[in-house]
Amino acid sequence: MKKTMIAASLLLLTPTAFASADTYTIDTEGMHASVNFKVNHLGYSWLTGRFNDFKGHFVFDEDNTANNSVEVTINTNSVDTNHAERDRHIRSDDFLNVKKYSQASFKSTSVTPDGDDEGEYIVKGDLTLHGVTKPVEFEIEQVGAGKDPWGGYRRGFEGELELKAADFGINYDLGPAAATVYLELNLEGIKQ
């Protein structure tokens, strides 16, 4: 009897016990993922941009959300607002200071269901930007999941994170309308 219980306990600890936790590599090469941002311009319109170079992965488990996680690393020098002079200014020490802080990153501490809303989750984690790490929280929504035409399996999420640039030591004053930056995440992952 004891041997049977021990064997059963060991089976629970094997990798098959975690079979429903799938790891996905974020598809940046196929341009099926993006990290975009927008900042209010003088209260009249939006300045928009993106980071062209980033990488990451996420783990998704439908049965046990305690296994869910996401990590993203961004090359800050890849900032692109479709205006070369403005991009140089954003890269300068007035804003991102890419020579000193070449990367920004996010690592989740939890991904949990958002109440009764199926496919919606609350993500908590640590965002490092401009050399400062702060805890953040935001909502994501699953866009979809399924087989792709090449025999793989994909899953995608979208979400938006609001942050105050000043909280990360970026104090260049563009007026009160521009104090909040909105990061828009579109993450399509390929199951590994």
N, C-alpha and C. Protein backbone atom coordinates (compact mmCIF):
# COMPACT_ATOMS: atom_id res chain seq x y z
N MET A 1 0.82 -1.20 0.00
CA MET A 1 0.00 0.00 0.00
C MET A 1 0.86 1.26 0.00
N LYS A 2 1.92 1.26 0.87
CA LYS A 2 2.80 2.42 0.94
C LYS A 2 3.50 2.66 -0.39
N LYS A 3 3.95 1.55 -1.05
CA LYS A 3 4.64 1.69 -2.32
C LYS A 3 3.72 2.30 -3.38
N THR A 4 2.47 1.90 -3.39
CA THR A 4 1.51 2.45 -4.34
C THR A 4 1.29 3.93 -4.10
N MET A 5 1.19 4.34 -2.85
CA MET A 5 0.99 5.76 -2.53
C MET A 5 2.21 6.57 -2.91
N ILE A 6 3.40 6.04 -2.67
CA ILE A 6 4.63 6.75 -3.03
C ILE A 6 4.72 6.90 -4.54
N ALA A 7 4.42 5.82 -5.26
CA ALA A 7 4.46 5.87 -6.73
C ALA A 7 3.47 6.89 -7.26
N ALA A 8 2.27 6.93 -6.69
CA ALA A 8 1.26 7.89 -7.12
C ALA A 8 1.72 9.31 -6.83
N SER A 9 2.36 9.53 -5.69
CA SER A 9 2.87 10.85 -5.34
C SER A 9 3.95 11.30 -6.31
N LEU A 10 4.84 10.38 -6.68
CA LEU A 10 5.91 10.72 -7.62
C LEU A 10 5.34 11.06 -9.00
N LEU A 11 4.29 10.35 -9.41
CA LEU A 11 3.67 10.66 -10.69
C LEU A 11 3.12 12.08 -10.73
N LEU A 12 2.62 12.55 -9.60
CA LEU A 12 2.10 13.91 -9.54
C LEU A 12 3.20 14.96 -9.74
N LEU A 13 4.43 14.59 -9.48
CA LEU A 13 5.54 15.53 -9.61
C LEU A 13 6.23 15.46 -10.96
N THR A 14 5.83 14.56 -11.82
CA THR A 14 6.48 14.42 -13.13
C THR A 14 5.98 15.52 -14.06
N PRO A 15 6.73 15.78 -15.17
CA PRO A 15 6.33 16.81 -16.12
C PRO A 15 4.93 16.62 -16.69
N THR A 16 4.44 15.39 -16.77
CA THR A 16 3.10 15.18 -17.32
C THR A 16 2.04 15.80 -16.42
N ALA A 17 2.36 16.00 -15.15
CA ALA A 17 1.40 16.63 -14.25
C ALA A 17 1.18 18.10 -14.62
N PHE A 18 2.14 18.66 -15.36
CA PHE A 18 2.04 20.06 -15.77
C PHE A 18 1.78 20.18 -17.27
N ALA A 19 1.24 19.13 -17.86
CA ALA A 19 1.08 19.07 -19.31
C ALA A 19 0.20 20.17 -19.85
N SER A 20 -0.72 20.70 -19.07
CA SER A 20 -1.61 21.72 -19.60
C SER A 20 -0.99 23.11 -19.56
N ALA A 21 0.19 23.25 -18.95
CA ALA A 21 0.90 24.53 -18.96
C ALA A 21 1.78 24.57 -20.21
N ASP A 22 1.40 25.42 -21.16
CA ASP A 22 2.11 25.51 -22.44
C ASP A 22 2.93 26.78 -22.51
N THR A 23 4.14 26.67 -23.05
CA THR A 23 5.01 27.83 -23.24
C THR A 23 4.89 28.31 -24.68
N TYR A 24 4.76 29.62 -24.85
CA TYR A 24 4.64 30.24 -26.16
C TYR A 24 5.75 31.27 -26.33
N THR A 25 6.41 31.23 -27.48
CA THR A 25 7.38 32.26 -27.84
C THR A 25 6.64 33.35 -28.59
N ILE A 26 6.82 34.60 -28.16
CA ILE A 26 6.13 35.71 -28.81
C ILE A 26 6.67 35.88 -30.23
N ASP A 27 5.77 35.92 -31.20
CA ASP A 27 6.12 35.95 -32.62
C ASP A 27 6.47 37.35 -33.07
N THR A 28 7.71 37.75 -32.82
CA THR A 28 8.18 39.07 -33.27
C THR A 28 8.75 38.99 -34.68
N GLU A 29 9.27 37.83 -35.07
CA GLU A 29 9.85 37.69 -36.41
C GLU A 29 8.78 37.78 -37.49
N GLY A 30 7.62 37.22 -37.23
CA GLY A 30 6.53 37.27 -38.21
C GLY A 30 5.72 38.56 -38.12
N MET A 31 6.15 39.47 -37.25
CA MET A 31 5.45 40.75 -37.06
C MET A 31 3.99 40.54 -36.62
N HIS A 32 3.78 39.51 -35.79
CA HIS A 32 2.45 39.23 -35.28
C HIS A 32 2.31 39.63 -33.81
N ALA A 33 3.18 40.51 -33.39
CA ALA A 33 3.14 41.03 -32.03
C ALA A 33 3.66 42.46 -32.07
N SER A 34 3.21 43.27 -31.14
CA SER A 34 3.70 44.65 -31.12
C SER A 34 3.61 45.24 -29.71
N VAL A 35 4.54 46.15 -29.45
CA VAL A 35 4.50 46.97 -28.24
C VAL A 35 4.42 48.41 -28.73
N ASN A 36 3.23 48.98 -28.62
CA ASN A 36 2.97 50.33 -29.08
C ASN A 36 2.77 51.25 -27.88
N PHE A 37 2.83 52.55 -28.13
CA PHE A 37 2.55 53.50 -27.06
C PHE A 37 1.87 54.73 -27.65
N LYS A 38 1.18 55.44 -26.77
CA LYS A 38 0.61 56.72 -27.18
C LYS A 38 0.68 57.68 -26.00
N VAL A 39 0.86 58.95 -26.34
CA VAL A 39 0.93 60.02 -25.35
C VAL A 39 0.10 61.18 -25.90
N ASN A 40 -0.67 61.78 -25.05
CA ASN A 40 -1.49 62.91 -25.48
C ASN A 40 -0.60 64.07 -25.88
N HIS A 41 -0.91 64.72 -27.02
CA HIS A 41 -0.13 65.84 -27.51
C HIS A 41 -0.92 67.13 -27.31
N LEU A 42 -0.55 67.87 -26.27
CA LEU A 42 -1.12 69.18 -25.96
C LEU A 42 -2.63 69.16 -25.71
N GLY A 43 -3.17 67.98 -25.51
CA GLY A 43 -4.61 67.86 -25.30
C GLY A 43 -5.42 67.89 -26.59
N TYR A 44 -4.73 67.88 -27.75
CA TYR A 44 -5.41 68.00 -29.03
C TYR A 44 -5.47 66.69 -29.82
N SER A 45 -4.46 65.84 -29.64
CA SER A 45 -4.40 64.60 -30.41
C SER A 45 -3.44 63.64 -29.70
N TRP A 46 -3.09 62.56 -30.38
CA TRP A 46 -2.19 61.55 -29.81
C TRP A 46 -0.92 61.44 -30.61
N LEU A 47 0.19 61.38 -29.91
CA LEU A 47 1.46 61.00 -30.52
C LEU A 47 1.58 59.50 -30.31
N THR A 48 1.78 58.77 -31.38
CA THR A 48 1.86 57.31 -31.28
C THR A 48 3.22 56.82 -31.74
N GLY A 49 3.60 55.66 -31.25
CA GLY A 49 4.86 55.05 -31.65
C GLY A 49 4.89 53.59 -31.26
N ARG A 50 6.03 52.99 -31.48
CA ARG A 50 6.19 51.57 -31.18
C ARG A 50 7.64 51.28 -30.89
N PHE A 51 7.89 50.09 -30.36
CA PHE A 51 9.24 49.57 -30.22
C PHE A 51 9.38 48.43 -31.22
N ASN A 52 10.33 48.58 -32.14
CA ASN A 52 10.46 47.61 -33.22
C ASN A 52 11.22 46.34 -32.84
N ASP A 53 11.97 46.38 -31.74
CA ASP A 53 12.80 45.25 -31.36
C ASP A 53 12.49 44.84 -29.93
N PHE A 54 11.85 43.70 -29.78
CA PHE A 54 11.55 43.15 -28.46
C PHE A 54 11.42 41.64 -28.59
N LYS A 55 11.46 40.97 -27.46
CA LYS A 55 11.30 39.52 -27.45
C LYS A 55 10.65 39.10 -26.15
N GLY A 56 10.17 37.88 -26.12
CA GLY A 56 9.57 37.40 -24.88
C GLY A 56 8.86 36.08 -25.06
N HIS A 57 8.27 35.65 -23.99
CA HIS A 57 7.50 34.41 -23.99
C HIS A 57 6.44 34.49 -22.89
N PHE A 58 5.46 33.59 -23.00
CA PHE A 58 4.47 33.48 -21.94
C PHE A 58 4.10 32.02 -21.75
N VAL A 59 3.65 31.72 -20.55
CA VAL A 59 3.16 30.39 -20.20
C VAL A 59 1.67 30.53 -19.93
N PHE A 60 0.89 29.63 -20.52
CA PHE A 60 -0.56 29.69 -20.32
C PHE A 60 -1.08 28.31 -19.96
N ASP A 61 -1.85 28.26 -18.88
CA ASP A 61 -2.43 27.02 -18.38
C ASP A 61 -3.91 27.29 -18.10
N GLU A 62 -4.78 26.72 -18.91
CA GLU A 62 -6.22 26.93 -18.73
C GLU A 62 -6.74 26.32 -17.44
N ASP A 63 -6.08 25.24 -16.98
CA ASP A 63 -6.56 24.52 -15.81
C ASP A 63 -6.04 25.06 -14.49
N ASN A 64 -4.86 25.66 -14.52
CA ASN A 64 -4.25 26.15 -13.28
C ASN A 64 -3.57 27.48 -13.56
N THR A 65 -4.28 28.58 -13.33
CA THR A 65 -3.75 29.90 -13.67
C THR A 65 -2.53 30.29 -12.83
N ALA A 66 -2.25 29.55 -11.76
CA ALA A 66 -1.04 29.82 -10.97
C ALA A 66 0.21 29.58 -11.81
N ASN A 67 0.09 28.80 -12.88
CA ASN A 67 1.23 28.53 -13.76
C ASN A 67 1.44 29.62 -14.81
N ASN A 68 0.48 30.53 -14.98
CA ASN A 68 0.55 31.53 -16.04
C ASN A 68 1.62 32.58 -15.74
N SER A 69 2.32 33.00 -16.79
CA SER A 69 3.34 34.04 -16.63
C SER A 69 3.65 34.66 -17.98
N VAL A 70 4.30 35.84 -17.94
CA VAL A 70 4.73 36.51 -19.17
C VAL A 70 6.00 37.30 -18.87
N GLU A 71 6.92 37.28 -19.83
CA GLU A 71 8.15 38.06 -19.75
C GLU A 71 8.41 38.70 -21.10
N VAL A 72 8.75 40.00 -21.08
CA VAL A 72 9.05 40.74 -22.31
C VAL A 72 10.26 41.62 -22.06
N THR A 73 11.19 41.65 -23.02
CA THR A 73 12.36 42.53 -22.96
C THR A 73 12.35 43.38 -24.22
N ILE A 74 12.52 44.70 -24.05
CA ILE A 74 12.43 45.67 -25.14
C ILE A 74 13.77 46.36 -25.32
N ASN A 75 14.22 46.45 -26.57
CA ASN A 75 15.38 47.26 -26.91
C ASN A 75 14.89 48.70 -27.04
N THR A 76 15.23 49.56 -26.08
CA THR A 76 14.69 50.93 -26.06
C THR A 76 15.18 51.77 -27.25
N ASN A 77 16.33 51.42 -27.82
CA ASN A 77 16.85 52.15 -28.97
C ASN A 77 15.97 51.96 -30.21
N SER A 78 15.08 50.96 -30.17
CA SER A 78 14.23 50.67 -31.33
C SER A 78 12.95 51.50 -31.35
N VAL A 79 12.86 52.51 -30.48
CA VAL A 79 11.67 53.37 -30.46
C VAL A 79 11.47 54.01 -31.83
N ASP A 80 10.22 54.05 -32.28
CA ASP A 80 9.91 54.52 -33.63
C ASP A 80 8.57 55.26 -33.62
N THR A 81 8.63 56.58 -33.84
CA THR A 81 7.41 57.38 -33.94
C THR A 81 7.20 57.90 -35.36
N ASN A 82 7.97 57.34 -36.30
CA ASN A 82 7.89 57.74 -37.71
C ASN A 82 8.34 59.18 -37.92
N HIS A 83 9.27 59.64 -37.08
CA HIS A 83 9.82 61.00 -37.19
C HIS A 83 11.23 60.97 -36.60
N ALA A 84 12.25 60.98 -37.46
CA ALA A 84 13.63 60.73 -37.05
C ALA A 84 14.11 61.70 -35.97
N GLU A 85 13.81 62.98 -36.12
CA GLU A 85 14.29 63.97 -35.13
C GLU A 85 13.64 63.74 -33.77
N ARG A 86 12.36 63.47 -33.77
CA ARG A 86 11.66 63.20 -32.51
C ARG A 86 12.20 61.91 -31.87
N ASP A 87 12.45 60.89 -32.69
CA ASP A 87 12.99 59.63 -32.16
C ASP A 87 14.35 59.84 -31.51
N ARG A 88 15.20 60.67 -32.11
CA ARG A 88 16.50 60.98 -31.49
C ARG A 88 16.30 61.64 -30.13
N HIS A 89 15.32 62.54 -30.04
CA HIS A 89 15.05 63.21 -28.76
C HIS A 89 14.53 62.21 -27.72
N ILE A 90 13.64 61.32 -28.12
CA ILE A 90 13.12 60.32 -27.19
C ILE A 90 14.24 59.40 -26.71
N ARG A 91 15.21 59.11 -27.57
CA ARG A 91 16.35 58.26 -27.18
C ARG A 91 17.33 58.98 -26.25
N SER A 92 17.28 60.31 -26.21
CA SER A 92 18.25 61.10 -25.44
C SER A 92 17.99 60.97 -23.94
N ASP A 93 18.88 61.59 -23.15
CA ASP A 93 18.72 61.52 -21.69
C ASP A 93 17.55 62.36 -21.19
N ASP A 94 16.87 63.11 -22.07
CA ASP A 94 15.63 63.79 -21.67
C ASP A 94 14.51 62.77 -21.42
N PHE A 95 14.59 61.63 -22.12
CA PHE A 95 13.52 60.64 -22.00
C PHE A 95 14.08 59.25 -21.66
N LEU A 96 14.31 58.41 -22.66
CA LEU A 96 14.68 57.01 -22.41
C LEU A 96 16.15 56.81 -22.05
N ASN A 97 17.00 57.74 -22.45
CA ASN A 97 18.44 57.62 -22.18
C ASN A 97 18.95 56.23 -22.57
N VAL A 98 18.81 55.90 -23.85
CA VAL A 98 19.09 54.54 -24.32
C VAL A 98 20.56 54.16 -24.20
N LYS A 99 21.46 55.13 -24.16
CA LYS A 99 22.88 54.79 -23.98
C LYS A 99 23.11 54.19 -22.60
N LYS A 100 22.39 54.67 -21.61
CA LYS A 100 22.54 54.15 -20.25
C LYS A 100 21.58 53.01 -19.96
N TYR A 101 20.35 53.11 -20.48
CA TYR A 101 19.31 52.11 -20.22
C TYR A 101 18.85 51.51 -21.55
N SER A 102 19.61 50.55 -22.03
CA SER A 102 19.35 50.01 -23.38
C SER A 102 18.15 49.06 -23.43
N GLN A 103 17.67 48.64 -22.26
CA GLN A 103 16.54 47.72 -22.24
C GLN A 103 15.49 48.15 -21.23
N ALA A 104 14.27 47.83 -21.56
CA ALA A 104 13.15 47.89 -20.62
C ALA A 104 12.62 46.46 -20.54
N SER A 105 12.01 46.12 -19.42
CA SER A 105 11.52 44.74 -19.31
C SER A 105 10.30 44.66 -18.41
N PHE A 106 9.55 43.60 -18.62
CA PHE A 106 8.41 43.29 -17.76
C PHE A 106 8.47 41.82 -17.42
N LYS A 107 8.27 41.51 -16.15
CA LYS A 107 8.19 40.11 -15.69
C LYS A 107 7.00 40.00 -14.75
N SER A 108 6.06 39.14 -15.10
CA SER A 108 4.85 39.01 -14.27
C SER A 108 5.15 38.30 -12.96
N THR A 109 4.34 38.64 -11.97
CA THR A 109 4.35 37.92 -10.70
C THR A 109 3.08 37.10 -10.55
N SER A 110 2.03 37.47 -11.29
CA SER A 110 0.80 36.66 -11.32
C SER A 110 -0.04 37.05 -12.53
N VAL A 111 -0.77 36.06 -13.05
CA VAL A 111 -1.75 36.26 -14.12
C VAL A 111 -2.98 35.49 -13.68
N THR A 112 -4.04 36.21 -13.31
CA THR A 112 -5.23 35.56 -12.74
C THR A 112 -6.49 35.97 -13.50
N PRO A 113 -7.50 35.12 -13.52
CA PRO A 113 -8.75 35.47 -14.19
C PRO A 113 -9.34 36.76 -13.61
N ASP A 114 -9.96 37.54 -14.49
CA ASP A 114 -10.60 38.79 -14.09
C ASP A 114 -12.07 38.51 -13.79
N GLY A 115 -12.32 38.03 -12.58
CA GLY A 115 -13.70 37.75 -12.18
C GLY A 115 -14.32 36.68 -13.04
N ASP A 116 -15.56 36.95 -13.49
CA ASP A 116 -16.31 35.98 -14.28
C ASP A 116 -16.15 36.18 -15.78
N ASP A 117 -15.33 37.15 -16.18
CA ASP A 117 -15.18 37.45 -17.61
C ASP A 117 -14.21 36.45 -18.25
N GLU A 118 -14.76 35.52 -19.03
CA GLU A 118 -13.95 34.48 -19.65
C GLU A 118 -12.97 35.10 -20.64
N GLY A 119 -11.72 34.68 -20.57
CA GLY A 119 -10.70 35.18 -21.48
C GLY A 119 -10.06 36.48 -21.06
N GLU A 120 -10.48 37.02 -19.90
CA GLU A 120 -9.88 38.27 -19.40
C GLU A 120 -9.11 37.97 -18.13
N TYR A 121 -7.94 38.62 -18.01
CA TYR A 121 -7.03 38.34 -16.92
C TYR A 121 -6.45 39.62 -16.34
N ILE A 122 -6.08 39.56 -15.07
CA ILE A 122 -5.34 40.64 -14.41
C ILE A 122 -3.88 40.20 -14.33
N VAL A 123 -3.01 41.02 -14.87
CA VAL A 123 -1.58 40.73 -14.85
C VAL A 123 -0.92 41.68 -13.86
N LYS A 124 -0.17 41.11 -12.92
CA LYS A 124 0.64 41.89 -11.99
C LYS A 124 2.09 41.52 -12.24
N GLY A 125 2.97 42.51 -12.08
CA GLY A 125 4.38 42.20 -12.29
C GLY A 125 5.25 43.42 -12.11
N ASP A 126 6.52 43.25 -12.45
CA ASP A 126 7.52 44.30 -12.29
C ASP A 126 7.93 44.83 -13.65
N LEU A 127 7.77 46.15 -13.82
CA LEU A 127 8.19 46.84 -15.04
C LEU A 127 9.46 47.61 -14.73
N THR A 128 10.50 47.36 -15.53
CA THR A 128 11.76 48.10 -15.39
C THR A 128 11.90 49.00 -16.61
N LEU A 129 12.00 50.29 -16.35
CA LEU A 129 12.12 51.30 -17.40
C LEU A 129 13.01 52.41 -16.88
N HIS A 130 13.96 52.85 -17.70
CA HIS A 130 14.83 53.96 -17.32
C HIS A 130 15.58 53.66 -16.02
N GLY A 131 15.89 52.38 -15.81
CA GLY A 131 16.64 51.97 -14.63
C GLY A 131 15.84 51.87 -13.35
N VAL A 132 14.53 52.05 -13.44
CA VAL A 132 13.65 52.01 -12.27
C VAL A 132 12.69 50.84 -12.41
N THR A 133 12.55 50.05 -11.36
CA THR A 133 11.61 48.92 -11.36
C THR A 133 10.44 49.23 -10.44
N LYS A 134 9.24 49.09 -10.98
CA LYS A 134 8.02 49.36 -10.21
C LYS A 134 7.01 48.24 -10.44
N PRO A 135 6.21 47.93 -9.40
CA PRO A 135 5.12 46.98 -9.62
C PRO A 135 3.99 47.65 -10.41
N VAL A 136 3.42 46.91 -11.34
CA VAL A 136 2.31 47.42 -12.14
C VAL A 136 1.22 46.35 -12.21
N GLU A 137 0.04 46.79 -12.61
CA GLU A 137 -1.11 45.89 -12.75
C GLU A 137 -1.94 46.37 -13.92
N PHE A 138 -2.36 45.43 -14.78
CA PHE A 138 -3.19 45.82 -15.92
C PHE A 138 -4.02 44.62 -16.37
N GLU A 139 -4.99 44.88 -17.22
CA GLU A 139 -5.88 43.84 -17.74
C GLU A 139 -5.43 43.41 -19.12
N ILE A 140 -5.57 42.12 -19.41
CA ILE A 140 -5.36 41.61 -20.76
C ILE A 140 -6.59 40.78 -21.14
N GLU A 141 -6.76 40.63 -22.43
CA GLU A 141 -7.86 39.82 -22.93
C GLU A 141 -7.33 38.88 -24.00
N GLN A 142 -7.76 37.63 -23.94
CA GLN A 142 -7.36 36.69 -24.97
C GLN A 142 -8.11 37.01 -26.26
N VAL A 143 -7.36 37.17 -27.34
CA VAL A 143 -7.96 37.46 -28.64
C VAL A 143 -8.41 36.17 -29.30
N GLY A 144 -7.60 35.12 -29.16
CA GLY A 144 -7.97 33.84 -29.76
C GLY A 144 -6.85 32.82 -29.61
N ALA A 145 -7.15 31.58 -29.98
CA ALA A 145 -6.17 30.50 -29.93
C ALA A 145 -6.59 29.42 -30.91
N GLY A 146 -5.58 28.75 -31.50
CA GLY A 146 -5.89 27.65 -32.41
C GLY A 146 -4.72 27.30 -33.30
N LYS A 147 -4.96 26.33 -34.17
CA LYS A 147 -3.93 25.86 -35.09
C LYS A 147 -3.70 26.91 -36.18
N ASP A 148 -2.42 27.01 -36.60
CA ASP A 148 -2.11 27.90 -37.71
C ASP A 148 -1.93 27.09 -39.00
N PRO A 149 -1.79 27.73 -40.16
CA PRO A 149 -1.69 27.00 -41.43
C PRO A 149 -0.40 26.20 -41.59
N TRP A 150 0.57 26.38 -40.69
CA TRP A 150 1.87 25.73 -40.82
C TRP A 150 2.02 24.55 -39.86
N GLY A 151 0.94 24.15 -39.22
CA GLY A 151 0.97 23.00 -38.32
C GLY A 151 1.29 23.33 -36.88
N GLY A 152 1.41 24.60 -36.56
CA GLY A 152 1.68 25.01 -35.19
C GLY A 152 0.40 25.39 -34.46
N TYR A 153 0.57 25.87 -33.25
CA TYR A 153 -0.56 26.32 -32.44
C TYR A 153 -0.21 27.69 -31.88
N ARG A 154 -1.15 28.62 -31.97
CA ARG A 154 -0.92 30.00 -31.56
C ARG A 154 -1.97 30.46 -30.57
N ARG A 155 -1.58 31.44 -29.76
CA ARG A 155 -2.50 32.05 -28.81
C ARG A 155 -2.14 33.53 -28.73
N GLY A 156 -3.15 34.39 -28.68
CA GLY A 156 -2.88 35.82 -28.67
C GLY A 156 -3.66 36.57 -27.61
N PHE A 157 -3.02 37.63 -27.08
CA PHE A 157 -3.61 38.48 -26.06
C PHE A 157 -3.38 39.94 -26.41
N GLU A 158 -4.25 40.80 -25.88
CA GLU A 158 -4.05 42.24 -26.01
C GLU A 158 -4.34 42.88 -24.67
N GLY A 159 -3.67 44.01 -24.44
CA GLY A 159 -3.88 44.73 -23.19
C GLY A 159 -3.27 46.11 -23.26
N GLU A 160 -3.60 46.92 -22.27
CA GLU A 160 -3.06 48.27 -22.21
C GLU A 160 -2.63 48.57 -20.78
N LEU A 161 -1.46 49.16 -20.66
CA LEU A 161 -0.88 49.50 -19.37
C LEU A 161 -0.70 51.01 -19.32
N GLU A 162 -1.24 51.65 -18.30
CA GLU A 162 -1.05 53.09 -18.09
C GLU A 162 0.10 53.29 -17.12
N LEU A 163 0.98 54.24 -17.44
CA LEU A 163 2.04 54.55 -16.50
C LEU A 163 2.37 56.03 -16.54
N LYS A 164 2.90 56.51 -15.45
CA LYS A 164 3.37 57.90 -15.34
C LYS A 164 4.87 57.89 -15.60
N ALA A 165 5.32 58.61 -16.60
CA ALA A 165 6.74 58.64 -16.93
C ALA A 165 7.57 59.10 -15.73
N ALA A 166 7.04 60.05 -14.98
CA ALA A 166 7.78 60.58 -13.82
C ALA A 166 8.03 59.51 -12.76
N ASP A 167 7.16 58.50 -12.67
CA ASP A 167 7.37 57.42 -11.71
C ASP A 167 8.62 56.61 -12.04
N PHE A 168 9.09 56.71 -13.28
CA PHE A 168 10.27 55.98 -13.71
C PHE A 168 11.46 56.92 -13.94
N GLY A 169 11.38 58.10 -13.34
CA GLY A 169 12.50 59.03 -13.41
C GLY A 169 12.62 59.80 -14.72
N ILE A 170 11.57 59.77 -15.53
CA ILE A 170 11.55 60.55 -16.78
C ILE A 170 10.75 61.80 -16.50
N ASN A 171 11.45 62.90 -16.31
CA ASN A 171 10.81 64.12 -15.79
C ASN A 171 10.73 65.26 -16.80
N TYR A 172 10.99 65.00 -18.07
CA TYR A 172 10.90 66.05 -19.08
C TYR A 172 9.44 66.51 -19.16
N ASP A 173 9.20 67.80 -19.00
CA ASP A 173 7.83 68.30 -18.88
C ASP A 173 7.23 68.61 -20.26
N LEU A 174 6.24 67.83 -20.63
CA LEU A 174 5.49 68.06 -21.87
C LEU A 174 4.08 68.56 -21.57
N GLY A 175 3.85 68.96 -20.33
CA GLY A 175 2.54 69.43 -19.92
C GLY A 175 1.72 68.33 -19.29
N PRO A 176 0.69 68.70 -18.55
CA PRO A 176 -0.10 67.70 -17.81
C PRO A 176 -0.79 66.67 -18.69
N ALA A 177 -1.16 67.04 -19.92
CA ALA A 177 -1.85 66.09 -20.79
C ALA A 177 -0.96 64.91 -21.17
N ALA A 178 0.36 65.13 -21.15
CA ALA A 178 1.30 64.08 -21.57
C ALA A 178 1.92 63.33 -20.40
N ALA A 179 1.40 63.53 -19.20
CA ALA A 179 1.99 62.89 -18.02
C ALA A 179 1.79 61.38 -18.03
N THR A 180 0.71 60.91 -18.65
CA THR A 180 0.41 59.48 -18.70
C THR A 180 0.78 58.91 -20.05
N VAL A 181 1.50 57.80 -20.03
CA VAL A 181 1.86 57.06 -21.24
C VAL A 181 1.03 55.78 -21.25
N TYR A 182 0.48 55.44 -22.40
CA TYR A 182 -0.32 54.23 -22.55
C TYR A 182 0.47 53.24 -23.41
N LEU A 183 0.85 52.11 -22.81
CA LEU A 183 1.52 51.04 -23.55
C LEU A 183 0.47 50.05 -24.01
N GLU A 184 0.45 49.78 -25.30
CA GLU A 184 -0.51 48.84 -25.87
C GLU A 184 0.24 47.57 -26.27
N LEU A 185 -0.16 46.44 -25.71
CA LEU A 185 0.51 45.17 -25.94
C LEU A 185 -0.36 44.26 -26.80
N ASN A 186 0.20 43.76 -27.87
CA ASN A 186 -0.45 42.77 -28.72
C ASN A 186 0.53 41.61 -28.84
N LEU A 187 0.25 40.53 -28.13
CA LEU A 187 1.20 39.43 -28.04
C LEU A 187 0.61 38.15 -28.62
N GLU A 188 1.11 37.76 -29.79
CA GLU A 188 0.75 36.47 -30.36
C GLU A 188 1.91 35.52 -30.15
N GLY A 189 1.64 34.39 -29.54
CA GLY A 189 2.71 33.44 -29.24
C GLY A 189 2.54 32.14 -30.01
N ILE A 190 3.68 31.51 -30.30
CA ILE A 190 3.71 30.20 -30.97
C ILE A 190 4.04 29.16 -29.91
N LYS A 191 3.18 28.17 -29.78
CA LYS A 191 3.39 27.12 -28.78
C LYS A 191 4.66 26.33 -29.07
N GLN A 192 5.46 26.12 -28.04
CA GLN A 192 6.73 25.41 -28.19
C GLN A 192 6.56 23.92 -27.91
